[in-house]
C-alpha atoms as a PDB file:
ATOM      1  CA  UNK A   1      93.206 -32.673  72.259  1.00  0.00           C
ATOM      2  CA  UNK A   2      96.218 -30.825  71.093  1.00  0.00           C
ATOM      3  CA  UNK A   3      98.001 -28.951  73.886  1.00  0.00           C
ATOM      4  CA  UNK A   4      98.867 -26.118  71.537  1.00  0.00           C
ATOM      5  CA  UNK A   5      95.578 -25.810  70.268  1.00  0.00           C
ATOM      6  CA  UNK A   6      94.055 -25.481  74.064  1.00  0.00           C
ATOM      7  CA  UNK A   7      96.587 -22.758  74.695  1.00  0.00           C
ATOM      8  CA  UNK A   8      95.797 -21.025  71.561  1.00  0.00           C
ATOM      9  CA  UNK A   9      92.252 -20.964  71.825  1.00  0.00           C
ATOM     10  CA  UNK A  10      92.358 -20.220  75.746  1.00  0.00           C
ATOM     11  CA  UNK A  11      93.941 -16.610  75.060  1.00  0.00           C
ATOM     12  CA  UNK A  12      95.835 -16.780  78.205  1.00  0.00           C
ATOM     13  CA  UNK A  13      96.444 -12.959  78.462  1.00  0.00           C
ATOM     14  CA  UNK A  14      92.892 -11.984  77.561  1.00  0.00           C
ATOM     15  CA  UNK A  15      91.390 -14.438  80.172  1.00  0.00           C
ATOM     16  CA  UNK A  16      93.759 -13.290  82.788  1.00  0.00           C
ATOM     17  CA  UNK A  17      92.642  -9.734  82.251  1.00  0.00           C
ATOM     18  CA  UNK A  18      88.974 -10.888  82.154  1.00  0.00           C
ATOM     19  CA  UNK A  19      89.218 -12.479  85.821  1.00  0.00           C
ATOM     20  CA  UNK A  20      91.435  -9.499  87.066  1.00  0.00           C
ATOM     21  CA  UNK A  21      88.359  -7.363  86.423  1.00  0.00           C
ATOM     22  CA  UNK A  22      86.737  -8.994  89.265  1.00  0.00           C
ATOM     23  CA  UNK A  23      89.674  -8.098  91.659  1.00  0.00           C
ATOM     24  CA  UNK A  24      89.328  -4.488  90.193  1.00  0.00           C
ATOM     25  CA  UNK A  25      85.613  -4.387  90.870  1.00  0.00           C
ATOM     26  CA  UNK A  26      86.250  -5.546  94.299  1.00  0.00           C
ATOM     27  CA  UNK A  27      89.138  -3.393  95.400  1.00  0.00           C
ATOM     28  CA  UNK A  28      87.498  -0.159  93.519  1.00  0.00           C
ATOM     29  CA  UNK A  29      84.229  -0.788  95.447  1.00  0.00           C
ATOM     30  CA  UNK A  30      85.519  -1.295  98.820  1.00  0.00           C
ATOM     31  CA  UNK A  31      85.232   1.624 101.517  1.00  0.00           C
ATOM     32  CA  UNK A  32      87.010   2.271 104.810  1.00  0.00           C
ATOM     33  CA  UNK A  33      83.973   1.305 106.755  1.00  0.00           C
ATOM     34  CA  UNK A  34      84.238  -2.126 105.063  1.00  0.00           C
ATOM     35  CA  UNK A  35      87.684  -2.901 105.972  1.00  0.00           C
ATOM     36  CA  UNK A  36      89.495  -5.314 106.982  1.00  0.00           C
ATOM     37  CA  UNK A  37      88.180  -7.772 103.979  1.00  0.00           C
ATOM     38  CA  UNK A  38      86.787 -10.958 105.840  1.00  0.00           C
ATOM     39  CA  UNK A  39      88.084 -14.427 104.858  1.00  0.00           C
ATOM     40  CA  UNK A  40      85.042 -15.091 103.156  1.00  0.00           C
ATOM     41  CA  UNK A  41      85.507 -11.987 100.830  1.00  0.00           C
ATOM     42  CA  UNK A  42      89.137 -12.659 100.160  1.00  0.00           C
ATOM     43  CA  UNK A  43      88.450 -16.339  99.134  1.00  0.00           C
ATOM     44  CA  UNK A  44      85.462 -15.161  97.094  1.00  0.00           C
ATOM     45  CA  UNK A  45      87.563 -12.602  95.169  1.00  0.00           C
ATOM     46  CA  UNK A  46      90.191 -15.647  94.321  1.00  0.00           C
ATOM     47  CA  UNK A  47      87.177 -17.958  93.363  1.00  0.00           C
ATOM     48  CA  UNK A  48      85.574 -15.018  91.404  1.00  0.00           C
ATOM     49  CA  UNK A  49      88.808 -14.518  89.609  1.00  0.00           C
ATOM     50  CA  UNK A  50      89.033 -18.155  88.836  1.00  0.00           C
ATOM     51  CA  UNK A  51      85.303 -18.476  87.633  1.00  0.00           C
ATOM     52  CA  UNK A  52      85.520 -15.569  85.390  1.00  0.00           C
ATOM     53  CA  UNK A  53      88.796 -16.466  83.627  1.00  0.00           C
ATOM     54  CA  UNK A  54      87.089 -19.858  82.958  1.00  0.00           C
ATOM     55  CA  UNK A  55      84.157 -18.692  81.731  1.00  0.00           C
ATOM     56  CA  UNK A  56      86.133 -16.221  79.380  1.00  0.00           C
ATOM     57  CA  UNK A  57      88.126 -19.006  77.984  1.00  0.00           C
ATOM     58  CA  UNK A  58      84.815 -20.992  77.444  1.00  0.00           C
ATOM     59  CA  UNK A  59      83.457 -17.880  75.613  1.00  0.00           C
ATOM     60  CA  UNK A  60      86.674 -17.657  73.277  1.00  0.00           C
ATOM     61  CA  UNK A  61      86.319 -21.187  72.432  1.00  0.00           C
ATOM     62  CA  UNK A  62      82.676 -21.139  71.442  1.00  0.00           C
ATOM     63  CA  UNK A  63      83.249 -17.923  69.591  1.00  0.00           C
ATOM     64  CA  UNK A  64      86.028 -19.527  67.420  1.00  0.00           C
ATOM     65  CA  UNK A  65      83.455 -22.344  66.635  1.00  0.00           C
ATOM     66  CA  UNK A  66      81.010 -19.827  65.002  1.00  0.00           C
ATOM     67  CA  UNK A  67      83.783 -17.757  63.303  1.00  0.00           C
ATOM     68  CA  UNK A  68      85.674 -20.708  61.707  1.00  0.00           C
ATOM     69  CA  UNK A  69      84.380 -20.093  58.120  1.00  0.00           C
ATOM     70  CA  UNK A  70      85.672 -16.429  58.503  1.00  0.00           C
ATOM     71  CA  UNK A  71      88.849 -17.705  60.295  1.00  0.00           C
ATOM     72  CA  UNK A  72      89.449 -19.974  57.420  1.00  0.00           C
ATOM     73  CA  UNK A  73      90.151 -16.907  55.217  1.00  0.00           C
ATOM     74  CA  UNK A  74      91.127 -14.157  57.845  1.00  0.00           C
ATOM     75  CA  UNK A  75      92.985 -16.093  60.332  1.00  0.00           C
ATOM     76  CA  UNK A  76      93.995 -19.768  58.961  1.00  0.00           C
ATOM     77  CA  UNK A  77      96.589 -20.232  61.853  1.00  0.00           C
ATOM     78  CA  UNK A  78      93.904 -20.304  64.616  1.00  0.00           C
ATOM     79  CA  UNK A  79      93.335 -23.670  66.444  1.00  0.00           C
ATOM     80  CA  UNK A  80      90.012 -24.807  64.415  1.00  0.00           C
ATOM     81  CA  UNK A  81      90.840 -23.798  60.828  1.00  0.00           C
ATOM     82  CA  UNK A  82      94.462 -25.028  61.306  1.00  0.00           C
ATOM     83  CA  UNK A  83      93.439 -28.398  62.606  1.00  0.00           C
ATOM     84  CA  UNK A  84      94.854 -28.284  66.074  1.00  0.00           C
ATOM     85  CA  UNK A  85      91.404 -28.498  67.720  1.00  0.00           C
ATOM     86  CA  UNK A  86      88.060 -29.977  66.104  1.00  0.00           C
ATOM     87  CA  UNK A  87      84.711 -28.179  66.375  1.00  0.00           C
ATOM     88  CA  UNK A  88      83.517 -31.015  68.782  1.00  0.00           C
ATOM     89  CA  UNK A  89      86.631 -30.486  71.058  1.00  0.00           C
ATOM     90  CA  UNK A  90      86.282 -26.662  71.117  1.00  0.00           C
ATOM     91  CA  UNK A  91      82.340 -27.148  72.004  1.00  0.00           C
ATOM     92  CA  UNK A  92      83.271 -29.685  74.797  1.00  0.00           C
ATOM     93  CA  UNK A  93      86.185 -27.633  76.000  1.00  0.00           C
ATOM     94  CA  UNK A  94      83.835 -24.725  76.317  1.00  0.00           C
ATOM     95  CA  UNK A  95      81.108 -26.903  78.223  1.00  0.00           C
ATOM     96  CA  UNK A  96      83.391 -28.120  80.732  1.00  0.00           C
ATOM     97  CA  UNK A  97      84.900 -24.425  81.519  1.00  0.00           C
ATOM     98  CA  UNK A  98      81.495 -22.922  81.578  1.00  0.00           C
ATOM     99  CA  UNK A  99      80.169 -25.527  84.044  1.00  0.00           C
ATOM    100  CA  UNK A 100      83.373 -25.594  86.317  1.00  0.00           C
ATOM    101  CA  UNK A 101      83.250 -21.626  86.001  1.00  0.00           C
ATOM    102  CA  UNK A 102      79.775 -21.180  87.350  1.00  0.00           C
ATOM    103  CA  UNK A 103      79.887 -23.887  89.992  1.00  0.00           C
ATOM    104  CA  UNK A 104      83.372 -22.676  91.703  1.00  0.00           C
ATOM    105  CA  UNK A 105      81.806 -19.985  93.563  1.00  0.00           C
ATOM    106  CA  UNK A 106      79.670 -22.362  95.600  1.00  0.00           C
ATOM    107  CA  UNK A 107      82.612 -23.788  97.209  1.00  0.00           C
ATOM    108  CA  UNK A 108      83.750 -20.788  99.401  1.00  0.00           C
ATOM    109  CA  UNK A 109      83.809 -22.574 102.687  1.00  0.00           C
ATOM    110  CA  UNK A 110      83.861 -19.293 104.519  1.00  0.00           C
ATOM    111  CA  UNK A 111      80.798 -17.650 103.075  1.00  0.00           C
ATOM    112  CA  UNK A 112      77.108 -18.174 103.565  1.00  0.00           C
ATOM    113  CA  UNK A 113      75.394 -20.512 100.998  1.00  0.00           C
ATOM    114  CA  UNK A 114      73.058 -18.038  99.683  1.00  0.00           C
ATOM    115  CA  UNK A 115      75.846 -15.619  98.997  1.00  0.00           C
ATOM    116  CA  UNK A 116      77.650 -18.246  97.294  1.00  0.00           C
ATOM    117  CA  UNK A 117      74.670 -18.970  95.138  1.00  0.00           C
ATOM    118  CA  UNK A 118      74.193 -15.234  94.141  1.00  0.00           C
ATOM    119  CA  UNK A 119      77.876 -15.353  93.298  1.00  0.00           C
ATOM    120  CA  UNK A 120      77.328 -18.225  91.070  1.00  0.00           C
ATOM    121  CA  UNK A 121      74.225 -16.821  89.583  1.00  0.00           C
ATOM    122  CA  UNK A 122      76.505 -13.633  88.341  1.00  0.00           C
ATOM    123  CA  UNK A 123      78.919 -16.185  86.876  1.00  0.00           C
ATOM    124  CA  UNK A 124      76.041 -17.806  85.099  1.00  0.00           C
ATOM    125  CA  UNK A 125      74.751 -14.740  83.575  1.00  0.00           C
ATOM    126  CA  UNK A 126      78.007 -13.677  82.205  1.00  0.00           C
ATOM    127  CA  UNK A 127      78.505 -17.107  80.687  1.00  0.00           C
ATOM    128  CA  UNK A 128      75.138 -17.055  79.078  1.00  0.00           C
ATOM    129  CA  UNK A 129      75.670 -13.650  77.652  1.00  0.00           C
ATOM    130  CA  UNK A 130      79.047 -14.962  76.130  1.00  0.00           C
ATOM    131  CA  UNK A 131      77.293 -17.688  74.470  1.00  0.00           C
ATOM    132  CA  UNK A 132      74.181 -15.620  72.922  1.00  0.00           C
ATOM    133  CA  UNK A 133      76.882 -13.016  71.807  1.00  0.00           C
ATOM    134  CA  UNK A 134      78.861 -15.413  70.175  1.00  0.00           C
ATOM    135  CA  UNK A 135      75.734 -17.159  68.668  1.00  0.00           C
ATOM    136  CA  UNK A 136      73.046 -14.581  67.782  1.00  0.00           C
ATOM    137  CA  UNK A 137      74.563 -10.800  68.647  1.00  0.00           C
ATOM    138  CA  UNK A 138      78.258 -10.781  67.434  1.00  0.00           C
ATOM    139  CA  UNK A 139      76.949  -9.457  63.920  1.00  0.00           C
ATOM    140  CA  UNK A 140      73.695  -7.803  65.033  1.00  0.00           C
ATOM    141  CA  UNK A 141      74.713  -4.330  65.356  1.00  0.00           C
ATOM    142  CA  UNK A 142      73.723  -2.224  68.237  1.00  0.00           C
ATOM    143  CA  UNK A 143      72.714  -5.066  70.305  1.00  0.00           C
ATOM    144  CA  UNK A 144      76.103  -6.626  69.880  1.00  0.00           C
ATOM    145  CA  UNK A 145      77.379  -3.369  71.093  1.00  0.00           C
ATOM    146  CA  UNK A 146      75.264  -3.421  74.119  1.00  0.00           C
ATOM    147  CA  UNK A 147      76.163  -7.113  74.755  1.00  0.00           C
ATOM    148  CA  UNK A 148      79.990  -6.374  74.799  1.00  0.00           C
ATOM    149  CA  UNK A 149      79.332  -3.559  77.309  1.00  0.00           C
ATOM    150  CA  UNK A 150      77.335  -5.871  79.446  1.00  0.00           C
ATOM    151  CA  UNK A 151      80.091  -8.509  79.447  1.00  0.00           C
ATOM    152  CA  UNK A 152      82.680  -5.795  80.340  1.00  0.00           C
ATOM    153  CA  UNK A 153      80.612  -4.623  83.134  1.00  0.00           C
ATOM    154  CA  UNK A 154      79.663  -7.909  84.823  1.00  0.00           C
ATOM    155  CA  UNK A 155      83.068  -8.846  86.242  1.00  0.00           C
ATOM    156  CA  UNK A 156      83.079  -5.356  87.846  1.00  0.00           C
ATOM    157  CA  UNK A 157      79.567  -6.269  89.087  1.00  0.00           C
ATOM    158  CA  UNK A 158      81.020  -9.623  90.544  1.00  0.00           C
ATOM    159  CA  UNK A 159      83.648  -8.032  92.260  1.00  0.00           C
ATOM    160  CA  UNK A 160      81.765  -5.233  93.806  1.00  0.00           C
ATOM    161  CA  UNK A 161      79.170  -7.640  95.077  1.00  0.00           C
ATOM    162  CA  UNK A 162      81.772  -9.564  96.879  1.00  0.00           C
ATOM    163  CA  UNK A 163      82.862  -6.354  98.901  1.00  0.00           C
ATOM    164  CA  UNK A 164      79.062  -5.266  99.221  1.00  0.00           C
ATOM    165  CA  UNK A 165      79.711  -1.705  98.217  1.00  0.00           C
ATOM    166  CA  UNK A 166      77.162   0.612  96.587  1.00  0.00           C
ATOM    167  CA  UNK A 167      80.174   2.403  94.975  1.00  0.00           C
ATOM    168  CA  UNK A 168      80.510  -0.479  92.607  1.00  0.00           C
ATOM    169  CA  UNK A 169      77.888   1.288  90.506  1.00  0.00           C
ATOM    170  CA  UNK A 170      80.271   3.837  89.133  1.00  0.00           C
ATOM    171  CA  UNK A 171      82.952   1.552  87.583  1.00  0.00           C
ATOM    172  CA  UNK A 172      80.046  -0.671  86.193  1.00  0.00           C
ATOM    173  CA  UNK A 173      78.537   2.518  84.377  1.00  0.00           C
ATOM    174  CA  UNK A 174      81.975   3.655  83.565  1.00  0.00           C
ATOM    175  CA  UNK A 175      82.725   0.404  81.849  1.00  0.00           C
ATOM    176  CA  UNK A 176      79.183  -0.160  80.204  1.00  0.00           C
ATOM    177  CA  UNK A 177      78.995   3.458  78.772  1.00  0.00           C
ATOM    178  CA  UNK A 178      82.572   3.824  77.423  1.00  0.00           C
ATOM    179  CA  UNK A 179      82.661   0.436  76.113  1.00  0.00           C
ATOM    180  CA  UNK A 180      79.269   0.733  74.139  1.00  0.00           C
ATOM    181  CA  UNK A 181      80.195   4.298  72.883  1.00  0.00           C
ATOM    182  CA  UNK A 182      83.528   3.050  71.607  1.00  0.00           C
ATOM    183  CA  UNK A 183      82.126   0.050  69.903  1.00  0.00           C
ATOM    184  CA  UNK A 184      79.695   2.285  67.931  1.00  0.00           C
ATOM    185  CA  UNK A 185      82.481   4.493  66.914  1.00  0.00           C
ATOM    186  CA  UNK A 186      84.541   1.339  65.993  1.00  0.00           C
ATOM    187  CA  UNK A 187      81.687   0.184  63.673  1.00  0.00           C
ATOM    188  CA  UNK A 188      81.949   3.463  61.931  1.00  0.00           C
ATOM    189  CA  UNK A 189      85.621   2.401  61.072  1.00  0.00           C
ATOM    190  CA  UNK A 190      84.774  -1.054  60.094  1.00  0.00           C
ATOM    191  CA  UNK A 191      81.725   0.171  57.848  1.00  0.00           C
ATOM    192  CA  UNK A 192      83.321  -1.072  54.828  1.00  0.00           C
ATOM    193  CA  UNK A 193      84.399  -4.510  56.132  1.00  0.00           C
ATOM    194  CA  UNK A 194      81.037  -5.023  57.922  1.00  0.00           C
ATOM    195  CA  UNK A 195      79.319  -4.763  54.605  1.00  0.00           C
ATOM    196  CA  UNK A 196      81.089  -7.711  53.219  1.00  0.00           C
ATOM    197  CA  UNK A 197      80.492  -9.779  56.439  1.00  0.00           C
ATOM    198  CA  UNK A 198      76.844  -8.780  56.635  1.00  0.00           C
ATOM    199  CA  UNK A 199      77.065  -7.160  59.943  1.00  0.00           C
ATOM    200  CA  UNK A 200      74.079  -5.013  60.711  1.00  0.00           C
ATOM    201  CA  UNK A 201      75.758  -2.247  62.630  1.00  0.00           C
ATOM    202  CA  UNK A 202      74.252   1.207  63.145  1.00  0.00           C
ATOM    203  CA  UNK A 203      76.680   2.759  60.700  1.00  0.00           C
ATOM    204  CA  UNK A 204      75.810   0.247  57.999  1.00  0.00           C
ATOM    205  CA  UNK A 205      72.045   0.255  58.645  1.00  0.00           C
ATOM    206  CA  UNK A 206      71.387   3.576  59.182  1.00  0.00           C
ATOM    207  CA  UNK A 207      74.391   5.705  57.986  1.00  0.00           C
ATOM    208  CA  UNK A 208      77.706   6.960  59.326  1.00  0.00           C
ATOM    209  CA  UNK A 209      76.587  10.155  60.743  1.00  0.00           C
ATOM    210  CA  UNK A 210      73.734   8.801  62.918  1.00  0.00           C
ATOM    211  CA  UNK A 211      75.986   6.155  64.120  1.00  0.00           C
ATOM    212  CA  UNK A 212      78.440   8.921  65.148  1.00  0.00           C
ATOM    213  CA  UNK A 213      75.427  11.030  66.726  1.00  0.00           C
ATOM    214  CA  UNK A 214      74.457   7.668  68.878  1.00  0.00           C
ATOM    215  CA  UNK A 215      78.102   6.680  70.022  1.00  0.00           C
ATOM    216  CA  UNK A 216      79.080  10.306  70.862  1.00  0.00           C
ATOM    217  CA  UNK A 217      75.820  10.763  72.840  1.00  0.00           C
ATOM    218  CA  UNK A 218      76.656   7.704  74.862  1.00  0.00           C
ATOM    219  CA  UNK A 219      79.916   9.340  75.483  1.00  0.00           C
ATOM    220  CA  UNK A 220      78.594  12.501  76.597  1.00  0.00           C
ATOM    221  CA  UNK A 221      76.434  10.868  78.842  1.00  0.00           C
ATOM    222  CA  UNK A 222      79.717   9.265  80.302  1.00  0.00           C
ATOM    223  CA  UNK A 223      80.879  12.642  80.986  1.00  0.00           C
ATOM    224  CA  UNK A 224      77.887  13.552  82.726  1.00  0.00           C
ATOM    225  CA  UNK A 225      78.367  10.579  85.147  1.00  0.00           C
ATOM    226  CA  UNK A 226      81.994  10.674  85.718  1.00  0.00           C
ATOM    227  CA  UNK A 227      82.199  13.450  88.205  1.00  0.00           C
ATOM    228  CA  UNK A 228      79.563  11.984  90.335  1.00  0.00           C
ATOM    229  CA  UNK A 229      81.518   9.477  92.406  1.00  0.00           C
ATOM    230  CA  UNK A 230      83.738  12.594  93.227  1.00  0.00           C
ATOM    231  CA  UNK A 231      80.978  14.928  94.031  1.00  0.00           C
ATOM    232  CA  UNK A 232      79.330  12.324  96.187  1.00  0.00           C
ATOM    233  CA  UNK A 233      82.649  11.877  98.183  1.00  0.00           C
ATOM    234  CA  UNK A 234      82.821   8.132  97.408  1.00  0.00           C
ATOM    235  CA  UNK A 235      86.157   8.572  95.239  1.00  0.00           C
ATOM    236  CA  UNK A 236      88.553  11.495  96.478  1.00  0.00           C
ATOM    237  CA  UNK A 237      92.107  10.664  95.523  1.00  0.00           C
ATOM    238  CA  UNK A 238      93.648  13.152  93.365  1.00  0.00           C
ATOM    239  CA  UNK A 239      95.007  10.696  90.919  1.00  0.00           C
ATOM    240  CA  UNK A 240      91.601   9.778  90.349  1.00  0.00           C
ATOM    241  CA  UNK A 241      90.160  13.197  89.924  1.00  0.00           C
ATOM    242  CA  UNK A 242      93.033  13.981  87.387  1.00  0.00           C
ATOM    243  CA  UNK A 243      92.216  10.691  85.465  1.00  0.00           C
ATOM    244  CA  UNK A 244      88.429  11.611  85.178  1.00  0.00           C
ATOM    245  CA  UNK A 245      89.456  14.999  83.905  1.00  0.00           C
ATOM    246  CA  UNK A 246      91.901  13.477  81.149  1.00  0.00           C
ATOM    247  CA  UNK A 247      89.168  11.199  80.007  1.00  0.00           C
ATOM    248  CA  UNK A 248      86.531  13.712  79.649  1.00  0.00           C
ATOM    249  CA  UNK A 249      89.213  15.751  77.591  1.00  0.00           C
ATOM    250  CA  UNK A 250      89.725  13.170  75.651  1.00  0.00           C
ATOM    251  CA  UNK A 251      86.185  12.362  74.854  1.00  0.00           C
ATOM    252  CA  UNK A 252      85.376  16.122  73.935  1.00  0.00           C
ATOM    253  CA  UNK A 253      88.541  15.891  71.451  1.00  0.00           C
ATOM    254  CA  UNK A 254      86.761  12.856  69.912  1.00  0.00           C
ATOM    255  CA  UNK A 255      83.949  15.003  69.373  1.00  0.00           C
ATOM    256  CA  UNK A 256      86.248  17.536  67.534  1.00  0.00           C
ATOM    257  CA  UNK A 257      87.506  14.671  65.347  1.00  0.00           C
ATOM    258  CA  UNK A 258      83.983  13.263  64.450  1.00  0.00           C
ATOM    259  CA  UNK A 259      81.906  16.501  63.928  1.00  0.00           C
ATOM    260  CA  UNK A 260      81.616  19.041  61.230  1.00  0.00           C
ATOM    261  CA  UNK A 261      83.429  16.605  59.131  1.00  0.00           C
ATOM    262  CA  UNK A 262      82.380  14.946  55.603  1.00  0.00           C
ATOM    263  CA  UNK A 263      81.360  11.229  55.946  1.00  0.00           C
ATOM    264  CA  UNK A 264      84.785  10.267  54.646  1.00  0.00           C
ATOM    265  CA  UNK A 265      86.511  12.303  57.291  1.00  0.00           C
ATOM    266  CA  UNK A 266      84.479  10.751  59.926  1.00  0.00           C
ATOM    267  CA  UNK A 267      85.407   7.389  58.793  1.00  0.00           C
ATOM    268  CA  UNK A 268      89.036   7.980  58.888  1.00  0.00           C
ATOM    269  CA  UNK A 269      88.904   9.914  62.123  1.00  0.00           C
ATOM    270  CA  UNK A 270      87.022   7.030  63.775  1.00  0.00           C
ATOM    271  CA  UNK A 271      90.233   5.090  63.826  1.00  0.00           C
ATOM    272  CA  UNK A 272      92.240   7.465  66.115  1.00  0.00           C
ATOM    273  CA  UNK A 273      89.159   8.121  68.029  1.00  0.00           C
ATOM    274  CA  UNK A 274      88.927   4.302  68.796  1.00  0.00           C
ATOM    275  CA  UNK A 275      92.166   4.147  69.902  1.00  0.00           C
ATOM    276  CA  UNK A 276      91.904   7.116  72.352  1.00  0.00           C
ATOM    277  CA  UNK A 277      88.988   5.541  73.584  1.00  0.00           C
ATOM    278  CA  UNK A 278      90.700   2.570  74.251  1.00  0.00           C
ATOM    279  CA  UNK A 279      93.513   4.406  76.256  1.00  0.00           C
ATOM    280  CA  UNK A 280      90.271   5.810  78.319  1.00  0.00           C
ATOM    281  CA  UNK A 281      89.354   2.273  79.338  1.00  0.00           C
ATOM    282  CA  UNK A 282      92.988   1.798  80.466  1.00  0.00           C
ATOM    283  CA  UNK A 283      93.005   4.989  82.352  1.00  0.00           C
ATOM    284  CA  UNK A 284      89.792   4.383  84.271  1.00  0.00           C
ATOM    285  CA  UNK A 285      90.849   0.858  85.148  1.00  0.00           C
ATOM    286  CA  UNK A 286      94.057   2.469  86.566  1.00  0.00           C
ATOM    287  CA  UNK A 287      91.830   5.383  88.528  1.00  0.00           C
ATOM    288  CA  UNK A 288      89.492   3.014  90.144  1.00  0.00           C
ATOM    289  CA  UNK A 289      92.445   0.681  90.979  1.00  0.00           C
ATOM    290  CA  UNK A 290      94.549   3.413  92.489  1.00  0.00           C
ATOM    291  CA  UNK A 291      91.511   4.604  94.473  1.00  0.00           C
ATOM    292  CA  UNK A 292      90.595   1.254  96.010  1.00  0.00           C
ATOM    293  CA  UNK A 293      94.456   0.553  96.607  1.00  0.00           C
ATOM    294  CA  UNK A 294      95.074   3.846  98.445  1.00  0.00           C
ATOM    295  CA  UNK A 295      92.094   3.003 100.876  1.00  0.00           C
ATOM    296  CA  UNK A 296      93.490  -0.541 101.479  1.00  0.00           C
ATOM    297  CA  UNK A 297      97.053   0.958 102.070  1.00  0.00           C
ATOM    298  CA  UNK A 298      95.778   3.557 104.289  1.00  0.00           C
ATOM    299  CA  UNK A 299      93.933   1.094 106.377  1.00  0.00           C
ATOM    300  CA  UNK A 300      96.739  -1.532 106.604  1.00  0.00           C
ATOM    301  CA  UNK A 301      99.538   1.016 106.930  1.00  0.00           C
END
């Protein structure tokens, strides 16, 4: 197996960020009453990071297997169409990483066996969803959008489980709603290309305006949910409050770009809306991370 092919198919930066979501979930969920973190929790976070990163790499690999015909045209430099890795090697590599990633959480020596089993089960669910997405749901339209939302949220669930905090529900809901809403809006931008690829997106199947309505309804639901952790006194840091305000303003501005427009204008404006919503994802991660880190710093200072 070619080393260069392994590196390329592994998407090192993306896999690093996938694992880092577990760390963010753990930090974002923690409260002052749960500090200090135990050896079991700290080791669990490290193992969770490794498990998520390895499963993500396995997902990238199997995804490339099912995308090989498209990549031969659109991305011939990728490992499989360029011959740096065979389909059989990619499948084997994916299975090995999947098995290792799922079993790693079982080897936390500081944690109870049942806790390790639950952590391993969460990793297993993430891995199965990755495979199902690559094989069945990637071109299935709205179900594919939901799958991406679930895949984004699961590492946060994993991290929150490790610190045992009910507050993790807020980062999970935030990630799921924002990703699903953005994916539906993104499908509007891609409507012409999806027609050629036979992707059954909401925009292609039902029309651009129904897709806009659905995507924006999901984003409006996020605006309703966003203030809840502040009102319930889970997250009180001024930076977090400011970030929530900025995200809500951006979502409202996306509504300005997408409504009272012709279908052509909606398709055109879906591009800047998609980019702004991606910025909201980054801002949200920063907000939850800052909130958690400030609690850690205040406790250990």
